[in-house]
Amino acid sequence: METERFEALIDAILAIIITLIILELNVPSAPTFAALFELKQEFFIYAVSFFVIFNIWNTHHNLFTKI
């Protein structure tokens, strides 16, 4: 049974999700580390979301290598 098309579909969906999440991040008010540090909560939330999505993708990928 070929699963490449389904795997590609899931990869595309997860890539779109990650892209939409990154678009929600605000640009710092000034190009300084202090302004970047003010957005630490948003970056932390993005990192956690990215980690969760990566785990979903990794589990999905490992599952389909066994099929």
C-alpha atoms as a PDB file:
ATOM      1  CA  MET A   1       0.000   0.000   0.000  1.00  0.00           C
ATOM      2  CA  GLU A   2       1.438   3.325  -1.035  1.00  0.00           C
ATOM      3  CA  THR A   3       1.209   6.102   1.515  1.00  0.00           C
ATOM      4  CA  GLU A   4       3.385   8.785  -0.071  1.00  0.00           C
ATOM      5  CA  ARG A   5       0.471  10.936  -1.185  1.00  0.00           C
ATOM      6  CA  PHE A   6      -1.137  10.912   2.244  1.00  0.00           C
ATOM      7  CA  GLU A   7       2.187  11.665   3.902  1.00  0.00           C
ATOM      8  CA  ALA A   8       2.748  14.576   1.520  1.00  0.00           C
ATOM      9  CA  LEU A   9      -0.726  15.911   2.302  1.00  0.00           C
ATOM     10  CA  ILE A  10      -0.087  15.805   6.046  1.00  0.00           C
ATOM     11  CA  ASP A  11       3.327  17.437   5.550  1.00  0.00           C
ATOM     12  CA  ALA A  12       1.698  20.248   3.577  1.00  0.00           C
ATOM     13  CA  ILE A  13      -1.030  20.762   6.166  1.00  0.00           C
ATOM     14  CA  LEU A  14       1.486  20.946   9.003  1.00  0.00           C
ATOM     15  CA  ALA A  15       3.669  23.353   7.008  1.00  0.00           C
ATOM     16  CA  ILE A  16       0.670  25.629   6.499  1.00  0.00           C
ATOM     17  CA  ILE A  17      -0.143  25.471  10.212  1.00  0.00           C
ATOM     18  CA  ILE A  18       3.419  26.432  11.150  1.00  0.00           C
ATOM     19  CA  THR A  19       3.341  29.276   8.624  1.00  0.00           C
ATOM     20  CA  LEU A  20       0.091  30.619  10.034  1.00  0.00           C
ATOM     21  CA  ILE A  21       1.479  30.471  13.556  1.00  0.00           C
ATOM     22  CA  ILE A  22       4.628  32.402  12.620  1.00  0.00           C
ATOM     23  CA  LEU A  23       2.547  35.081  10.900  1.00  0.00           C
ATOM     24  CA  GLU A  24       0.885  35.823  14.230  1.00  0.00           C
ATOM     25  CA  LEU A  25       4.167  36.887  15.835  1.00  0.00           C
ATOM     26  CA  ASN A  26       4.524  40.630  16.191  1.00  0.00           C
ATOM     27  CA  VAL A  27       7.535  42.504  14.901  1.00  0.00           C
ATOM     28  CA  PRO A  28       9.545  44.167  17.687  1.00  0.00           C
ATOM     29  CA  SER A  29       9.038  47.904  18.001  1.00  0.00           C
ATOM     30  CA  ALA A  30      12.770  48.585  17.593  1.00  0.00           C
ATOM     31  CA  PRO A  31      15.672  46.491  16.317  1.00  0.00           C
ATOM     32  CA  THR A  32      17.130  45.972  19.789  1.00  0.00           C
ATOM     33  CA  PHE A  33      17.442  43.032  22.122  1.00  0.00           C
ATOM     34  CA  ALA A  34      15.346  44.868  24.715  1.00  0.00           C
ATOM     35  CA  ALA A  35      12.432  45.136  22.299  1.00  0.00           C
ATOM     36  CA  LEU A  36      12.877  41.490  21.390  1.00  0.00           C
ATOM     37  CA  PHE A  37      12.940  40.544  25.060  1.00  0.00           C
ATOM     38  CA  GLU A  38       9.557  42.233  25.539  1.00  0.00           C
ATOM     39  CA  LEU A  39       8.075  39.634  23.190  1.00  0.00           C
ATOM     40  CA  LYS A  40       9.489  36.682  25.117  1.00  0.00           C
ATOM     41  CA  GLN A  41       6.040  35.331  26.017  1.00  0.00           C
ATOM     42  CA  GLU A  42       4.948  35.235  22.381  1.00  0.00           C
ATOM     43  CA  PHE A  43       8.176  33.524  21.354  1.00  0.00           C
ATOM     44  CA  PHE A  44       7.775  30.988  24.147  1.00  0.00           C
ATOM     45  CA  ILE A  45       4.217  30.207  23.037  1.00  0.00           C
ATOM     46  CA  TYR A  46       5.433  29.842  19.448  1.00  0.00           C
ATOM     47  CA  ALA A  47       8.230  27.513  20.542  1.00  0.00           C
ATOM     48  CA  VAL A  48       5.828  25.311  22.505  1.00  0.00           C
ATOM     49  CA  SER A  49       3.387  25.225  19.584  1.00  0.00           C
ATOM     50  CA  PHE A  50       6.180  24.382  17.166  1.00  0.00           C
ATOM     51  CA  PHE A  51       7.377  21.599  19.468  1.00  0.00           C
ATOM     52  CA  VAL A  52       3.869  20.110  19.695  1.00  0.00           C
ATOM     53  CA  ILE A  53       3.409  20.244  15.917  1.00  0.00           C
ATOM     54  CA  PHE A  54       6.854  18.724  15.416  1.00  0.00           C
ATOM     55  CA  ASN A  55       5.944  15.860  17.749  1.00  0.00           C
ATOM     56  CA  ILE A  56       2.738  15.254  15.803  1.00  0.00           C
ATOM     57  CA  TRP A  57       4.690  15.209  12.540  1.00  0.00           C
ATOM     58  CA  ASN A  58       7.414  12.972  13.954  1.00  0.00           C
ATOM     59  CA  THR A  59       4.907  10.479  15.338  1.00  0.00           C
ATOM     60  CA  HIS A  60       3.040  10.476  12.041  1.00  0.00           C
ATOM     61  CA  HIS A  61       6.262   9.978  10.094  1.00  0.00           C
ATOM     62  CA  ASN A  62       7.404   7.118  12.327  1.00  0.00           C
ATOM     63  CA  LEU A  63       3.994   5.480  12.101  1.00  0.00           C
ATOM     64  CA  PHE A  64       4.012   5.506   8.319  1.00  0.00           C
ATOM     65  CA  THR A  65       7.534   4.101   8.070  1.00  0.00           C
ATOM     66  CA  LYS A  66       6.195   0.959   9.742  1.00  0.00           C
ATOM     67  CA  ILE A  67       3.344   0.517   7.267  1.00  0.00           C
END
